[in-house]
Amino acid sequence: MNKVLVILIAVLGVFALITQVAKVYISNTTSIEGLAATKIQNEIDEYSEKNLVLRDKVLSFASYHAIASRAAELGLVSTKDIVSVYYPVKVALVK
């Protein structure tokens, strides 16, 4: 009986040692993954801010006033006459 008790205590000791090593390993792995997740989240926040700035720039370039001023710089003017494509143009007529 005494021998069985010593073997049982030894097995429980080895099991306790294995569980402690596993606990330390899992704890370190989790903390490293947490740091990586924090770094990725910071990068996502930075890209989100850059995306907002770029979206504002695109909207300002695509606004009516920006397009109209660029057209005026190129010499384009708005026409006051009515332009219709309903009537066939002479160039497109087949003789």
PDB file of N, CA and C in Angstrom:
ATOM      1  N   MET A   1       0.817  -1.185   0.000  1.00  0.00           N
ATOM      2  CA  MET A   1       0.000   0.000   0.000  1.00  0.00           C
ATOM      3  C   MET A   1       0.864   1.253   0.000  1.00  0.00           C
ATOM      4  N   ASN A   2       1.939   1.204   0.712  1.00  0.00           N
ATOM      5  CA  ASN A   2       2.846   2.340   0.791  1.00  0.00           C
ATOM      6  C   ASN A   2       3.463   2.634  -0.565  1.00  0.00           C
ATOM      7  N   LYS A   3       3.769   1.593  -1.324  1.00  0.00           N
ATOM      8  CA  LYS A   3       4.359   1.756  -2.641  1.00  0.00           C
ATOM      9  C   LYS A   3       3.359   2.413  -3.607  1.00  0.00           C
ATOM     10  N   VAL A   4       2.106   2.052  -3.520  1.00  0.00           N
ATOM     11  CA  VAL A   4       1.059   2.623  -4.361  1.00  0.00           C
ATOM     12  C   VAL A   4       0.895   4.114  -4.051  1.00  0.00           C
ATOM     13  N   LEU A   5       0.980   4.456  -2.785  1.00  0.00           N
ATOM     14  CA  LEU A   5       0.852   5.858  -2.373  1.00  0.00           C
ATOM     15  C   LEU A   5       2.007   6.688  -2.913  1.00  0.00           C
ATOM     16  N   VAL A   6       3.214   6.166  -2.918  1.00  0.00           N
ATOM     17  CA  VAL A   6       4.378   6.880  -3.445  1.00  0.00           C
ATOM     18  C   VAL A   6       4.233   7.067  -4.955  1.00  0.00           C
ATOM     19  N   ILE A   7       3.778   6.043  -5.658  1.00  0.00           N
ATOM     20  CA  ILE A   7       3.583   6.144  -7.115  1.00  0.00           C
ATOM     21  C   ILE A   7       2.489   7.164  -7.420  1.00  0.00           C
ATOM     22  N   LEU A   8       1.414   7.153  -6.665  1.00  0.00           N
ATOM     23  CA  LEU A   8       0.329   8.110  -6.862  1.00  0.00           C
ATOM     24  C   LEU A   8       0.800   9.538  -6.636  1.00  0.00           C
ATOM     25  N   ILE A   9       1.580   9.763  -5.609  1.00  0.00           N
ATOM     26  CA  ILE A   9       2.111  11.102  -5.337  1.00  0.00           C
ATOM     27  C   ILE A   9       3.064  11.529  -6.451  1.00  0.00           C
ATOM     28  N   ALA A  10       3.870  10.624  -6.948  1.00  0.00           N
ATOM     29  CA  ALA A  10       4.803  10.935  -8.031  1.00  0.00           C
ATOM     30  C   ALA A  10       4.044  11.296  -9.317  1.00  0.00           C
ATOM     31  N   VAL A  11       3.008  10.529  -9.638  1.00  0.00           N
ATOM     32  CA  VAL A  11       2.208  10.806 -10.835  1.00  0.00           C
ATOM     33  C   VAL A  11       1.517  12.151 -10.696  1.00  0.00           C
ATOM     34  N   LEU A  12       0.954  12.434  -9.526  1.00  0.00           N
ATOM     35  CA  LEU A  12       0.301  13.725  -9.305  1.00  0.00           C
ATOM     36  C   LEU A  12       1.303  14.877  -9.374  1.00  0.00           C
ATOM     37  N   GLY A  13       2.500  14.674  -8.895  1.00  0.00           N
ATOM     38  CA  GLY A  13       3.542  15.706  -8.969  1.00  0.00           C
ATOM     39  C   GLY A  13       3.941  15.993 -10.414  1.00  0.00           C
ATOM     40  N   VAL A  14       4.120  14.917 -11.200  1.00  0.00           N
ATOM     41  CA  VAL A  14       4.466  15.093 -12.617  1.00  0.00           C
ATOM     42  C   VAL A  14       3.318  15.787 -13.352  1.00  0.00           C
ATOM     43  N   PHE A  15       2.083  15.383 -13.037  1.00  0.00           N
ATOM     44  CA  PHE A  15       0.925  16.020 -13.654  1.00  0.00           C
ATOM     45  C   PHE A  15       0.847  17.503 -13.291  1.00  0.00           C
ATOM     46  N   ALA A  16       1.121  17.852 -12.044  1.00  0.00           N
ATOM     47  CA  ALA A  16       1.106  19.251 -11.615  1.00  0.00           C
ATOM     48  C   ALA A  16       2.196  20.042 -12.335  1.00  0.00           C
ATOM     49  N   LEU A  17       3.370  19.438 -12.507  1.00  0.00           N
ATOM     50  CA  LEU A  17       4.467  20.103 -13.202  1.00  0.00           C
ATOM     51  C   LEU A  17       4.106  20.332 -14.670  1.00  0.00           C
ATOM     52  N   ILE A  18       3.507  19.336 -15.316  1.00  0.00           N
ATOM     53  CA  ILE A  18       3.105  19.467 -16.719  1.00  0.00           C
ATOM     54  C   ILE A  18       2.047  20.558 -16.871  1.00  0.00           C
ATOM     55  N   THR A  19       1.084  20.605 -15.966  1.00  0.00           N
ATOM     56  CA  THR A  19       0.042  21.629 -16.059  1.00  0.00           C
ATOM     57  C   THR A  19       0.614  23.029 -15.853  1.00  0.00           C
ATOM     58  N   GLN A  20       1.582  23.185 -14.995  1.00  0.00           N
ATOM     59  CA  GLN A  20       2.197  24.494 -14.775  1.00  0.00           C
ATOM     60  C   GLN A  20       2.983  24.941 -16.010  1.00  0.00           C
ATOM     61  N   VAL A  21       3.720  24.021 -16.629  1.00  0.00           N
ATOM     62  CA  VAL A  21       4.467  24.347 -17.842  1.00  0.00           C
ATOM     63  C   VAL A  21       3.492  24.723 -18.961  1.00  0.00           C
ATOM     64  N   ALA A  22       2.402  23.975 -19.088  1.00  0.00           N
ATOM     65  CA  ALA A  22       1.402  24.277 -20.106  1.00  0.00           C
ATOM     66  C   ALA A  22       0.757  25.641 -19.839  1.00  0.00           C
ATOM     67  N   LYS A  23       0.515  25.957 -18.572  1.00  0.00           N
ATOM     68  CA  LYS A  23      -0.079  27.245 -18.209  1.00  0.00           C
ATOM     69  C   LYS A  23       0.841  28.387 -18.603  1.00  0.00           C
ATOM     70  N   VAL A  24       2.129  28.264 -18.344  1.00  0.00           N
ATOM     71  CA  VAL A  24       3.092  29.304 -18.702  1.00  0.00           C
ATOM     72  C   VAL A  24       3.173  29.448 -20.223  1.00  0.00           C
ATOM     73  N   TYR A  25       3.205  28.340 -20.935  1.00  0.00           N
ATOM     74  CA  TYR A  25       3.274  28.374 -22.401  1.00  0.00           C
ATOM     75  C   TYR A  25       2.042  29.050 -22.987  1.00  0.00           C
ATOM     76  N   ILE A  26       0.872  28.671 -22.541  1.00  0.00           N
ATOM     77  CA  ILE A  26      -0.372  29.259 -23.051  1.00  0.00           C
ATOM     78  C   ILE A  26      -0.450  30.735 -22.694  1.00  0.00           C
ATOM     79  N   SER A  27      -0.017  31.090 -21.513  1.00  0.00           N
ATOM     80  CA  SER A  27      -0.028  32.496 -21.095  1.00  0.00           C
ATOM     81  C   SER A  27       0.882  33.338 -21.983  1.00  0.00           C
ATOM     82  N   ASN A  28       2.066  32.846 -22.281  1.00  0.00           N
ATOM     83  CA  ASN A  28       2.990  33.588 -23.155  1.00  0.00           C
ATOM     84  C   ASN A  28       2.451  33.685 -24.578  1.00  0.00           C
ATOM     85  N   THR A  29       1.893  32.606 -25.085  1.00  0.00           N
ATOM     86  CA  THR A  29       1.336  32.617 -26.435  1.00  0.00           C
ATOM     87  C   THR A  29       0.194  33.621 -26.538  1.00  0.00           C
ATOM     88  N   THR A  30      -0.665  33.650 -25.533  1.00  0.00           N
ATOM     89  CA  THR A  30      -1.794  34.576 -25.536  1.00  0.00           C
ATOM     90  C   THR A  30      -1.323  36.025 -25.466  1.00  0.00           C
ATOM     91  N   SER A  31      -0.311  36.293 -24.669  1.00  0.00           N
ATOM     92  CA  SER A  31       0.156  37.675 -24.556  1.00  0.00           C
ATOM     93  C   SER A  31       0.823  38.140 -25.850  1.00  0.00           C
ATOM     94  N   ILE A  32       1.546  37.247 -26.513  1.00  0.00           N
ATOM     95  CA  ILE A  32       2.176  37.608 -27.794  1.00  0.00           C
ATOM     96  C   ILE A  32       1.102  37.872 -28.843  1.00  0.00           C
ATOM     97  N   GLU A  33       0.075  37.032 -28.883  1.00  0.00           N
ATOM     98  CA  GLU A  33      -1.019  37.244 -29.832  1.00  0.00           C
ATOM     99  C   GLU A  33      -1.764  38.537 -29.518  1.00  0.00           C
ATOM    100  N   GLY A  34      -1.884  38.880 -28.239  1.00  0.00           N
ATOM    101  CA  GLY A  34      -2.532  40.130 -27.848  1.00  0.00           C
ATOM    102  C   GLY A  34      -1.747  41.333 -28.327  1.00  0.00           C
ATOM    103  N   LEU A  35      -0.417  41.260 -28.249  1.00  0.00           N
ATOM    104  CA  LEU A  35       0.411  42.361 -28.736  1.00  0.00           C
ATOM    105  C   LEU A  35       0.297  42.503 -30.245  1.00  0.00           C
ATOM    106  N   ALA A  36       0.265  41.381 -30.943  1.00  0.00           N
ATOM    107  CA  ALA A  36       0.113  41.422 -32.403  1.00  0.00           C
ATOM    108  C   ALA A  36      -1.248  41.996 -32.778  1.00  0.00           C
ATOM    109  N   ALA A  37      -2.284  41.617 -32.047  1.00  0.00           N
ATOM    110  CA  ALA A  37      -3.623  42.138 -32.326  1.00  0.00           C
ATOM    111  C   ALA A  37      -3.680  43.643 -32.071  1.00  0.00           C
ATOM    112  N   THR A  38      -3.020  44.115 -31.034  1.00  0.00           N
ATOM    113  CA  THR A  38      -2.982  45.550 -30.744  1.00  0.00           C
ATOM    114  C   THR A  38      -2.256  46.297 -31.855  1.00  0.00           C
ATOM    115  N   LYS A  39      -1.161  45.743 -32.340  1.00  0.00           N
ATOM    116  CA  LYS A  39      -0.411  46.379 -33.429  1.00  0.00           C
ATOM    117  C   LYS A  39      -1.253  46.450 -34.697  1.00  0.00           C
ATOM    118  N   ILE A  40      -1.946  45.369 -35.015  1.00  0.00           N
ATOM    119  CA  ILE A  40      -2.800  45.348 -36.196  1.00  0.00           C
ATOM    120  C   ILE A  40      -3.941  46.350 -36.049  1.00  0.00           C
ATOM    121  N   GLN A  41      -4.524  46.444 -34.866  1.00  0.00           N
ATOM    122  CA  GLN A  41      -5.613  47.404 -34.641  1.00  0.00           C
ATOM    123  C   GLN A  41      -5.121  48.833 -34.802  1.00  0.00           C
ATOM    124  N   ASN A  42      -3.909  49.129 -34.346  1.00  0.00           N
ATOM    125  CA  ASN A  42      -3.340  50.468 -34.528  1.00  0.00           C
ATOM    126  C   ASN A  42      -3.142  50.783 -36.003  1.00  0.00           C
ATOM    127  N   GLU A  43      -2.670  49.809 -36.773  1.00  0.00           N
ATOM    128  CA  GLU A  43      -2.497  50.010 -38.210  1.00  0.00           C
ATOM    129  C   GLU A  43      -3.842  50.228 -38.895  1.00  0.00           C
ATOM    130  N   ILE A  44      -4.856  49.501 -38.475  1.00  0.00           N
ATOM    131  CA  ILE A  44      -6.197  49.685 -39.038  1.00  0.00           C
ATOM    132  C   ILE A  44      -6.693  51.097 -38.762  1.00  0.00           C
ATOM    133  N   ASP A  45      -6.479  51.593 -37.556  1.00  0.00           N
ATOM    134  CA  ASP A  45      -6.901  52.955 -37.223  1.00  0.00           C
ATOM    135  C   ASP A  45      -6.180  53.991 -38.069  1.00  0.00           C
ATOM    136  N   GLU A  46      -4.864  53.796 -38.287  1.00  0.00           N
ATOM    137  CA  GLU A  46      -4.101  54.731 -39.118  1.00  0.00           C
ATOM    138  C   GLU A  46      -4.613  54.729 -40.553  1.00  0.00           C
ATOM    139  N   TYR A  47      -4.864  53.542 -41.100  1.00  0.00           N
ATOM    140  CA  TYR A  47      -5.360  53.457 -42.478  1.00  0.00           C
ATOM    141  C   TYR A  47      -6.771  54.028 -42.600  1.00  0.00           C
ATOM    142  N   SER A  48      -7.569  53.890 -41.563  1.00  0.00           N
ATOM    143  CA  SER A  48      -8.910  54.473 -41.597  1.00  0.00           C
ATOM    144  C   SER A  48      -8.836  55.992 -41.666  1.00  0.00           C
ATOM    145  N   GLU A  49      -7.912  56.591 -40.902  1.00  0.00           N
ATOM    146  CA  GLU A  49      -7.740  58.045 -40.945  1.00  0.00           C
ATOM    147  C   GLU A  49      -7.239  58.489 -42.319  1.00  0.00           C
ATOM    148  N   LYS A  50      -6.266  57.768 -42.875  1.00  0.00           N
ATOM    149  CA  LYS A  50      -5.768  58.104 -44.207  1.00  0.00           C
ATOM    150  C   LYS A  50      -6.873  57.958 -45.253  1.00  0.00           C
ATOM    151  N   ASN A  51      -7.704  56.945 -45.097  1.00  0.00           N
ATOM    152  CA  ASN A  51      -8.804  56.727 -46.019  1.00  0.00           C
ATOM    153  C   ASN A  51      -9.785  57.895 -45.983  1.00  0.00           C
ATOM    154  N   LEU A  52     -10.075  58.421 -44.797  1.00  0.00           N
ATOM    155  CA  LEU A  52     -10.975  59.576 -44.687  1.00  0.00           C
ATOM    156  C   LEU A  52     -10.388  60.801 -45.380  1.00  0.00           C
ATOM    157  N   VAL A  53      -9.087  61.023 -45.195  1.00  0.00           N
ATOM    158  CA  VAL A  53      -8.441  62.170 -45.829  1.00  0.00           C
ATOM    159  C   VAL A  53      -8.477  62.033 -47.349  1.00  0.00           C
ATOM    160  N   LEU A  54      -8.161  60.850 -47.846  1.00  0.00           N
ATOM    161  CA  LEU A  54      -8.177  60.624 -49.292  1.00  0.00           C
ATOM    162  C   LEU A  54      -9.586  60.726 -49.863  1.00  0.00           C
ATOM    163  N   ARG A  55     -10.576  60.265 -49.125  1.00  0.00           N
ATOM    164  CA  ARG A  55     -11.961  60.366 -49.597  1.00  0.00           C
ATOM    165  C   ARG A  55     -12.377  61.832 -49.700  1.00  0.00           C
ATOM    166  N   ASP A  56     -11.966  62.651 -48.735  1.00  0.00           N
ATOM    167  CA  ASP A  56     -12.267  64.081 -48.805  1.00  0.00           C
ATOM    168  C   ASP A  56     -11.598  64.725 -50.010  1.00  0.00           C
ATOM    169  N   LYS A  57     -10.362  64.326 -50.307  1.00  0.00           N
ATOM    170  CA  LYS A  57      -9.664  64.871 -51.471  1.00  0.00           C
ATOM    171  C   LYS A  57     -10.369  64.480 -52.763  1.00  0.00           C
ATOM    172  N   VAL A  58     -10.779  63.221 -52.857  1.00  0.00           N
ATOM    173  CA  VAL A  58     -11.478  62.764 -54.060  1.00  0.00           C
ATOM    174  C   VAL A  58     -12.792  63.518 -54.222  1.00  0.00           C
ATOM    175  N   LEU A  59     -13.515  63.699 -53.140  1.00  0.00           N
ATOM    176  CA  LEU A  59     -14.778  64.431 -53.223  1.00  0.00           C
ATOM    177  C   LEU A  59     -14.568  65.884 -53.613  1.00  0.00           C
ATOM    178  N   SER A  60     -13.485  66.493 -53.127  1.00  0.00           N
ATOM    179  CA  SER A  60     -13.233  67.889 -53.500  1.00  0.00           C
ATOM    180  C   SER A  60     -12.840  67.995 -54.965  1.00  0.00           C
ATOM    181  N   PHE A  61     -12.102  67.019 -55.498  1.00  0.00           N
ATOM    182  CA  PHE A  61     -11.738  67.050 -56.913  1.00  0.00           C
ATOM    183  C   PHE A  61     -12.938  66.740 -57.807  1.00  0.00           C
ATOM    184  N   ALA A  62     -13.880  65.975 -57.314  1.00  0.00           N
ATOM    185  CA  ALA A  62     -15.029  65.580 -58.113  1.00  0.00           C
ATOM    186  C   ALA A  62     -16.215  66.530 -57.950  1.00  0.00           C
ATOM    187  N   SER A  63     -16.064  67.575 -57.171  1.00  0.00           N
ATOM    188  CA  SER A  63     -17.182  68.486 -56.968  1.00  0.00           C
ATOM    189  C   SER A  63     -17.462  69.283 -58.240  1.00  0.00           C
ATOM    190  N   TYR A  64     -18.666  69.815 -58.329  1.00  0.00           N
ATOM    191  CA  TYR A  64     -19.068  70.569 -59.513  1.00  0.00           C
ATOM    192  C   TYR A  64     -18.177  71.780 -59.721  1.00  0.00           C
ATOM    193  N   HIS A  65     -17.862  72.491 -58.645  1.00  0.00           N
ATOM    194  CA  HIS A  65     -17.054  73.704 -58.772  1.00  0.00           C
ATOM    195  C   HIS A  65     -15.637  73.388 -59.248  1.00  0.00           C
ATOM    196  N   ALA A  66     -15.075  72.295 -58.778  1.00  0.00           N
ATOM    197  CA  ALA A  66     -13.725  71.922 -59.218  1.00  0.00           C
ATOM    198  C   ALA A  66     -13.731  71.551 -60.695  1.00  0.00           C
ATOM    199  N   ILE A  67     -14.737  70.816 -61.115  1.00  0.00           N
ATOM    200  CA  ILE A  67     -14.819  70.421 -62.523  1.00  0.00           C
ATOM    201  C   ILE A  67     -15.086  71.640 -63.404  1.00  0.00           C
ATOM    202  N   ALA A  68     -15.971  72.533 -62.959  1.00  0.00           N
ATOM    203  CA  ALA A  68     -16.286  73.725 -63.742  1.00  0.00           C
ATOM    204  C   ALA A  68     -15.078  74.644 -63.866  1.00  0.00           C
ATOM    205  N   SER A  69     -14.333  74.808 -62.780  1.00  0.00           N
ATOM    206  CA  SER A  69     -13.150  75.677 -62.857  1.00  0.00           C
ATOM    207  C   SER A  69     -12.076  75.053 -63.743  1.00  0.00           C
ATOM    208  N   ARG A  70     -11.926  73.747 -63.704  1.00  0.00           N
ATOM    209  CA  ARG A  70     -10.949  73.085 -64.577  1.00  0.00           C
ATOM    210  C   ARG A  70     -11.376  73.202 -66.043  1.00  0.00           C
ATOM    211  N   ALA A  71     -12.665  73.082 -66.316  1.00  0.00           N
ATOM    212  CA  ALA A  71     -13.168  73.235 -67.684  1.00  0.00           C
ATOM    213  C   ALA A  71     -12.942  74.663 -68.176  1.00  0.00           C
ATOM    214  N   ALA A  72     -13.126  75.652 -67.299  1.00  0.00           N
ATOM    215  CA  ALA A  72     -12.885  77.045 -67.680  1.00  0.00           C
ATOM    216  C   ALA A  72     -11.410  77.269 -67.978  1.00  0.00           C
ATOM    217  N   GLU A  73     -10.533  76.622 -67.224  1.00  0.00           N
ATOM    218  CA  GLU A  73      -9.098  76.735 -67.485  1.00  0.00           C
ATOM    219  C   GLU A  73      -8.749  76.158 -68.858  1.00  0.00           C
ATOM    220  N   LEU A  74      -9.438  75.123 -69.266  1.00  0.00           N
ATOM    221  CA  LEU A  74      -9.190  74.498 -70.565  1.00  0.00           C
ATOM    222  C   LEU A  74      -9.867  75.239 -71.710  1.00  0.00           C
ATOM    223  N   GLY A  75     -10.662  76.260 -71.389  1.00  0.00           N
ATOM    224  CA  GLY A  75     -11.295  77.060 -72.424  1.00  0.00           C
ATOM    225  C   GLY A  75     -12.679  76.582 -72.808  1.00  0.00           C
ATOM    226  N   LEU A  76     -13.251  75.681 -72.076  1.00  0.00           N
ATOM    227  CA  LEU A  76     -14.601  75.218 -72.371  1.00  0.00           C
ATOM    228  C   LEU A  76     -15.612  76.199 -71.789  1.00  0.00           C
ATOM    229  N   VAL A  77     -16.646  76.482 -72.548  1.00  0.00           N
ATOM    230  CA  VAL A  77     -17.690  77.392 -72.078  1.00  0.00           C
ATOM    231  C   VAL A  77     -19.027  76.690 -72.216  1.00  0.00           C
ATOM    232  N   SER A  78     -19.973  77.099 -71.423  1.00  0.00           N
ATOM    233  CA  SER A  78     -21.303  76.501 -71.520  1.00  0.00           C
ATOM    234  C   SER A  78     -22.060  77.176 -72.657  1.00  0.00           C
ATOM    235  N   THR A  79     -22.842  76.397 -73.338  1.00  0.00           N
ATOM    236  CA  THR A  79     -23.592  76.919 -74.482  1.00  0.00           C
ATOM    237  C   THR A  79     -24.970  77.364 -74.035  1.00  0.00           C
ATOM    238  N   LYS A  80     -25.445  78.429 -74.660  1.00  0.00           N
ATOM    239  CA  LYS A  80     -26.780  78.930 -74.340  1.00  0.00           C
ATOM    240  C   LYS A  80     -27.809  78.387 -75.322  1.00  0.00           C
ATOM    241  N   ASP A  81     -27.360  77.831 -76.444  1.00  0.00           N
ATOM    242  CA  ASP A  81     -28.264  77.275 -77.436  1.00  0.00           C
ATOM    243  C   ASP A  81     -28.715  75.883 -77.011  1.00  0.00           C
ATOM    244  N   ILE A  82     -29.851  75.494 -77.561  1.00  0.00           N
ATOM    245  CA  ILE A  82     -30.358  74.155 -77.301  1.00  0.00           C
ATOM    246  C   ILE A  82     -29.656  73.188 -78.253  1.00  0.00           C
ATOM    247  N   VAL A  83     -29.105  72.161 -77.692  1.00  0.00           N
ATOM    248  CA  VAL A  83     -28.433  71.145 -78.489  1.00  0.00           C
ATOM    249  C   VAL A  83     -29.300  69.894 -78.443  1.00  0.00           C
ATOM    250  N   SER A  84     -29.633  69.385 -79.619  1.00  0.00           N
ATOM    251  CA  SER A  84     -30.492  68.211 -79.687  1.00  0.00           C
ATOM    252  C   SER A  84     -29.870  67.183 -80.617  1.00  0.00           C
ATOM    253  N   VAL A  85     -29.949  65.960 -80.262  1.00  0.00           N
ATOM    254  CA  VAL A  85     -29.459  64.891 -81.119  1.00  0.00           C
ATOM    255  C   VAL A  85     -30.633  64.143 -81.741  1.00  0.00           C
ATOM    256  N   TYR A  86     -31.817  64.731 -81.632  1.00  0.00           N
ATOM    257  CA  TYR A  86     -32.996  64.087 -82.183  1.00  0.00           C
ATOM    258  C   TYR A  86     -32.977  64.121 -83.705  1.00  0.00           C
ATOM    259  N   TYR A  87     -32.571  65.258 -84.279  1.00  0.00           N
ATOM    260  CA  TYR A  87     -32.516  65.375 -85.730  1.00  0.00           C
ATOM    261  C   TYR A  87     -31.185  64.836 -86.228  1.00  0.00           C
ATOM    262  N   PRO A  88     -31.168  64.091 -87.310  1.00  0.00           N
ATOM    263  CA  PRO A  88     -29.919  63.520 -87.810  1.00  0.00           C
ATOM    264  C   PRO A  88     -28.963  64.617 -88.290  1.00  0.00           C
ATOM    265  N   VAL A  89     -27.714  64.407 -88.019  1.00  0.00           N
ATOM    266  CA  VAL A  89     -26.669  65.335 -88.450  1.00  0.00           C
ATOM    267  C   VAL A  89     -26.327  65.005 -89.893  1.00  0.00           C
ATOM    268  N   LYS A  90     -25.976  66.037 -90.682  1.00  0.00           N
ATOM    269  CA  LYS A  90     -25.712  65.837 -92.104  1.00  0.00           C
ATOM    270  C   LYS A  90     -24.558  64.879 -92.351  1.00  0.00           C
ATOM    271  N   VAL A  91     -23.602  64.847 -91.442  1.00  0.00           N
ATOM    272  CA  VAL A  91     -22.454  63.973 -91.607  1.00  0.00           C
ATOM    273  C   VAL A  91     -22.894  62.502 -91.517  1.00  0.00           C
ATOM    274  N   ALA A  92     -23.905  62.260 -90.735  1.00  0.00           N
ATOM    275  CA  ALA A  92     -24.327  60.878 -90.509  1.00  0.00           C
ATOM    276  C   ALA A  92     -25.384  60.414 -91.497  1.00  0.00           C
ATOM    277  N   LEU A  93     -25.823  61.299 -92.407  1.00  0.00           N
ATOM    278  CA  LEU A  93     -26.852  60.903 -93.357  1.00  0.00           C
ATOM    279  C   LEU A  93     -26.272  60.003 -94.447  1.00  0.00           C
ATOM    280  N   VAL A  94     -27.025  59.024 -94.827  1.00  0.00           N
ATOM    281  CA  VAL A  94     -26.625  58.133 -95.908  1.00  0.00           C
ATOM    282  C   VAL A  94     -27.297  58.646 -97.186  1.00  0.00           C
ATOM    283  N   LYS A  95     -26.528  58.804 -98.273  1.00  0.00           N
ATOM    284  CA  LYS A  95     -27.091  59.330 -99.523  1.00  0.00           C
ATOM    285  C   LYS A  95     -27.428  58.212-100.441  1.00  0.00           C
TER     286      LYS A  95
END
